[in-house]
Amino acid sequence: QVRLVESGGGLVQAEGSLRLSCAASGRGFSSVAMGWFRQAPGKEREFVAAVVSSDGATFYADSVKGRFTISRHKSLNTPSLSMNSLKPEDTAVYYCVVRDRNSQKPWVYSDYSSYTYSGQGTEVTVSS
């Protein structure tokens, strides 16, 4: 079983920065893509960013483009997320996700269900 654990969340003032990390444990796996989703209180979970493991191609939600940067851990199996110029509307629980190379389901980078593993989330609160 694969377990993902996010870290780096916390309370920050608007225009501040945070860096989220995602650590994997359990049985070994190889990823083909990884990403971040978030869920704000009372709202549905939404796509934030994704990166392709092989070539580093990245995808971002329009709401975070230019402010957030997703990167691959040196193992290429888990992602990090650097968040700058944070806004109160970025307040949410952030989840890292990984798509296993053996997944048969078609991959849509913004579709949470097309990822194989996900963590329990780390909370980010941005105060105005």
C-alpha atoms as a PDB file:
ATOM      1  CA  GLN A   1       0.000   0.000   0.000  1.00  0.00           C
ATOM      2  CA  VAL A   2       1.190   3.503  -0.800  1.00  0.00           C
ATOM      3  CA  ARG A   3       0.724   6.327   1.653  1.00  0.00           C
ATOM      4  CA  LEU A   4       1.128   9.998   0.782  1.00  0.00           C
ATOM      5  CA  VAL A   5       1.609  12.600   3.497  1.00  0.00           C
ATOM      6  CA  GLU A   6       1.483  16.320   2.802  1.00  0.00           C
ATOM      7  CA  SER A   7       3.315  18.905   4.878  1.00  0.00           C
ATOM      8  CA  GLY A   8       4.071  22.595   4.828  1.00  0.00           C
ATOM      9  CA  GLY A   9       0.612  24.011   5.343  1.00  0.00           C
ATOM     10  CA  GLY A  10      -0.164  26.667   7.899  1.00  0.00           C
ATOM     11  CA  LEU A  11      -1.393  30.163   8.529  1.00  0.00           C
ATOM     12  CA  VAL A  12       0.038  32.949   6.410  1.00  0.00           C
ATOM     13  CA  GLN A  13      -0.881  36.534   5.676  1.00  0.00           C
ATOM     14  CA  ALA A  14      -2.054  37.612   2.248  1.00  0.00           C
ATOM     15  CA  GLU A  15       0.834  38.085  -0.196  1.00  0.00           C
ATOM     16  CA  GLY A  16       2.869  35.589   1.785  1.00  0.00           C
ATOM     17  CA  SER A  17       4.381  32.322   0.623  1.00  0.00           C
ATOM     18  CA  LEU A  18       4.281  28.672   1.551  1.00  0.00           C
ATOM     19  CA  ARG A  19       5.843  25.546   0.158  1.00  0.00           C
ATOM     20  CA  LEU A  20       3.963  22.270   0.322  1.00  0.00           C
ATOM     21  CA  SER A  21       5.688  18.918   0.153  1.00  0.00           C
ATOM     22  CA  CYS A  22       4.422  15.397  -0.313  1.00  0.00           C
ATOM     23  CA  ALA A  23       6.185  12.314   1.023  1.00  0.00           C
ATOM     24  CA  ALA A  24       5.474   8.747   0.012  1.00  0.00           C
ATOM     25  CA  SER A  25       5.865   5.587   2.030  1.00  0.00           C
ATOM     26  CA  GLY A  26       4.882   1.983   1.716  1.00  0.00           C
ATOM     27  CA  ARG A  27       5.459  -0.215  -1.289  1.00  0.00           C
ATOM     28  CA  GLY A  28       7.429   1.093  -4.174  1.00  0.00           C
ATOM     29  CA  PHE A  29       5.773   2.631  -7.170  1.00  0.00           C
ATOM     30  CA  SER A  30       6.555   4.661 -10.241  1.00  0.00           C
ATOM     31  CA  SER A  31       4.568   7.700 -11.159  1.00  0.00           C
ATOM     32  CA  VAL A  32       3.716   9.061 -14.573  1.00  0.00           C
ATOM     33  CA  ALA A  33       2.075  12.205 -13.286  1.00  0.00           C
ATOM     34  CA  MET A  34       1.447  13.958 -10.005  1.00  0.00           C
ATOM     35  CA  GLY A  35      -0.376  16.997  -8.810  1.00  0.00           C
ATOM     36  CA  TRP A  36      -2.202  19.035  -6.223  1.00  0.00           C
ATOM     37  CA  PHE A  37      -5.875  19.569  -5.595  1.00  0.00           C
ATOM     38  CA  ARG A  38      -7.556  21.675  -2.951  1.00  0.00           C
ATOM     39  CA  GLN A  39     -10.886  21.910  -1.214  1.00  0.00           C
ATOM     40  CA  ALA A  40     -12.080  25.071   0.442  1.00  0.00           C
ATOM     41  CA  PRO A  41     -14.714  24.988   3.181  1.00  0.00           C
ATOM     42  CA  GLY A  42     -18.139  24.456   1.679  1.00  0.00           C
ATOM     43  CA  LYS A  43     -16.784  24.025  -1.810  1.00  0.00           C
ATOM     44  CA  GLU A  44     -15.963  21.127  -4.098  1.00  0.00           C
ATOM     45  CA  ARG A  45     -12.450  19.883  -4.540  1.00  0.00           C
ATOM     46  CA  GLU A  46     -10.665  21.599  -7.396  1.00  0.00           C
ATOM     47  CA  PHE A  47      -7.577  21.108  -9.485  1.00  0.00           C
ATOM     48  CA  VAL A  48      -4.549  23.256  -8.665  1.00  0.00           C
ATOM     49  CA  ALA A  49      -1.544  21.976 -10.598  1.00  0.00           C
ATOM     50  CA  ALA A  50      -0.069  18.880 -12.204  1.00  0.00           C
ATOM     51  CA  VAL A  51       3.273  17.794 -13.595  1.00  0.00           C
ATOM     52  CA  VAL A  52       4.253  14.959 -15.911  1.00  0.00           C
ATOM     53  CA  SER A  53       6.964  12.824 -14.375  1.00  0.00           C
ATOM     54  CA  SER A  54       8.909  12.116 -17.543  1.00  0.00           C
ATOM     55  CA  ASP A  55       9.320  15.529 -19.087  1.00  0.00           C
ATOM     56  CA  GLY A  56       8.221  17.939 -16.396  1.00  0.00           C
ATOM     57  CA  ALA A  57       5.367  19.395 -18.403  1.00  0.00           C
ATOM     58  CA  THR A  58       3.145  21.392 -16.071  1.00  0.00           C
ATOM     59  CA  PHE A  59      -0.497  22.365 -15.923  1.00  0.00           C
ATOM     60  CA  TYR A  60      -2.109  24.984 -13.701  1.00  0.00           C
ATOM     61  CA  ALA A  61      -5.532  26.188 -12.801  1.00  0.00           C
ATOM     62  CA  ASP A  62      -6.086  29.706 -14.086  1.00  0.00           C
ATOM     63  CA  SER A  63      -6.601  30.937 -10.530  1.00  0.00           C
ATOM     64  CA  VAL A  64      -3.045  30.043  -9.507  1.00  0.00           C
ATOM     65  CA  LYS A  65      -1.129  30.532 -12.738  1.00  0.00           C
ATOM     66  CA  GLY A  66       1.842  32.813 -12.238  1.00  0.00           C
ATOM     67  CA  ARG A  67       1.723  32.459  -8.457  1.00  0.00           C
ATOM     68  CA  PHE A  68       2.131  28.726  -7.823  1.00  0.00           C
ATOM     69  CA  THR A  69       4.865  26.440  -9.102  1.00  0.00           C
ATOM     70  CA  ILE A  70       4.700  22.672  -9.048  1.00  0.00           C
ATOM     71  CA  SER A  71       7.874  20.636  -9.073  1.00  0.00           C
ATOM     72  CA  ARG A  72       8.911  17.029  -8.840  1.00  0.00           C
ATOM     73  CA  HIS A  73      10.816  15.625  -5.932  1.00  0.00           C
ATOM     74  CA  LYS A  74      14.199  14.245  -6.910  1.00  0.00           C
ATOM     75  CA  SER A  75      12.739  10.763  -6.766  1.00  0.00           C
ATOM     76  CA  LEU A  76      10.299  11.953  -9.428  1.00  0.00           C
ATOM     77  CA  ASN A  77       7.518  10.233  -7.526  1.00  0.00           C
ATOM     78  CA  THR A  78       6.020  13.031  -5.447  1.00  0.00           C
ATOM     79  CA  PRO A  79       5.313  16.708  -6.043  1.00  0.00           C
ATOM     80  CA  SER A  80       6.003  19.940  -4.218  1.00  0.00           C
ATOM     81  CA  LEU A  81       4.061  23.159  -4.556  1.00  0.00           C
ATOM     82  CA  SER A  82       5.544  26.604  -4.073  1.00  0.00           C
ATOM     83  CA  MET A  83       2.845  29.147  -3.445  1.00  0.00           C
ATOM     84  CA  ASN A  84       3.550  32.864  -3.671  1.00  0.00           C
ATOM     85  CA  SER A  85       1.369  35.942  -3.474  1.00  0.00           C
ATOM     86  CA  LEU A  86      -1.181  33.973  -1.534  1.00  0.00           C
ATOM     87  CA  LYS A  87      -4.716  35.269  -1.372  1.00  0.00           C
ATOM     88  CA  PRO A  88      -7.480  34.602   1.151  1.00  0.00           C
ATOM     89  CA  GLU A  89      -9.291  32.647  -1.560  1.00  0.00           C
ATOM     90  CA  ASP A  90      -6.397  30.177  -1.590  1.00  0.00           C
ATOM     91  CA  THR A  91      -7.495  29.027   1.846  1.00  0.00           C
ATOM     92  CA  ALA A  92      -8.206  25.306   1.580  1.00  0.00           C
ATOM     93  CA  VAL A  93      -7.025  21.834   2.404  1.00  0.00           C
ATOM     94  CA  TYR A  94      -4.415  20.865  -0.174  1.00  0.00           C
ATOM     95  CA  TYR A  95      -4.043  17.272  -1.340  1.00  0.00           C
ATOM     96  CA  CYS A  96      -1.193  15.747  -3.260  1.00  0.00           C
ATOM     97  CA  VAL A  97      -1.998  13.072  -5.816  1.00  0.00           C
ATOM     98  CA  VAL A  98       0.046  10.632  -7.837  1.00  0.00           C
ATOM     99  CA  ARG A  99      -0.833   8.596 -10.886  1.00  0.00           C
ATOM    100  CA  ASP A 100       0.847   5.213 -10.956  1.00  0.00           C
ATOM    101  CA  ARG A 101       2.431   4.153 -14.239  1.00  0.00           C
ATOM    102  CA  ASN A 102       0.346   0.978 -14.160  1.00  0.00           C
ATOM    103  CA  SER A 103      -2.947   2.838 -14.089  1.00  0.00           C
ATOM    104  CA  GLN A 104      -5.235   1.853 -16.955  1.00  0.00           C
ATOM    105  CA  LYS A 105      -7.646   4.721 -16.599  1.00  0.00           C
ATOM    106  CA  PRO A 106      -7.252   7.563 -19.095  1.00  0.00           C
ATOM    107  CA  TRP A 107      -5.458  10.491 -17.535  1.00  0.00           C
ATOM    108  CA  VAL A 108      -7.028  13.890 -17.402  1.00  0.00           C
ATOM    109  CA  TYR A 109      -4.725  16.178 -15.448  1.00  0.00           C
ATOM    110  CA  SER A 110      -7.587  18.072 -13.828  1.00  0.00           C
ATOM    111  CA  ASP A 111      -9.585  14.958 -12.900  1.00  0.00           C
ATOM    112  CA  TYR A 112      -8.949  13.827  -9.345  1.00  0.00           C
ATOM    113  CA  SER A 113     -10.255  10.334 -10.095  1.00  0.00           C
ATOM    114  CA  SER A 114      -7.563   9.724 -12.706  1.00  0.00           C
ATOM    115  CA  TYR A 115      -4.875   9.690 -10.025  1.00  0.00           C
ATOM    116  CA  THR A 116      -4.043   6.511  -8.157  1.00  0.00           C
ATOM    117  CA  TYR A 117      -2.934   7.734  -4.741  1.00  0.00           C
ATOM    118  CA  SER A 118      -3.798  10.739  -2.629  1.00  0.00           C
ATOM    119  CA  GLY A 119      -2.900  12.070   0.791  1.00  0.00           C
ATOM    120  CA  GLN A 120      -4.982  13.240   3.728  1.00  0.00           C
ATOM    121  CA  GLY A 121      -4.295  16.870   3.044  1.00  0.00           C
ATOM    122  CA  THR A 122      -2.575  19.816   4.656  1.00  0.00           C
ATOM    123  CA  GLU A 123      -4.463  22.936   5.630  1.00  0.00           C
ATOM    124  CA  VAL A 124      -3.539  26.325   4.254  1.00  0.00           C
ATOM    125  CA  THR A 125      -5.120  29.427   5.731  1.00  0.00           C
ATOM    126  CA  VAL A 126      -4.471  32.846   4.234  1.00  0.00           C
ATOM    127  CA  SER A 127      -5.528  35.813   6.315  1.00  0.00           C
ATOM    128  CA  SER A 128      -6.379  39.170   4.816  1.00  0.00           C
END
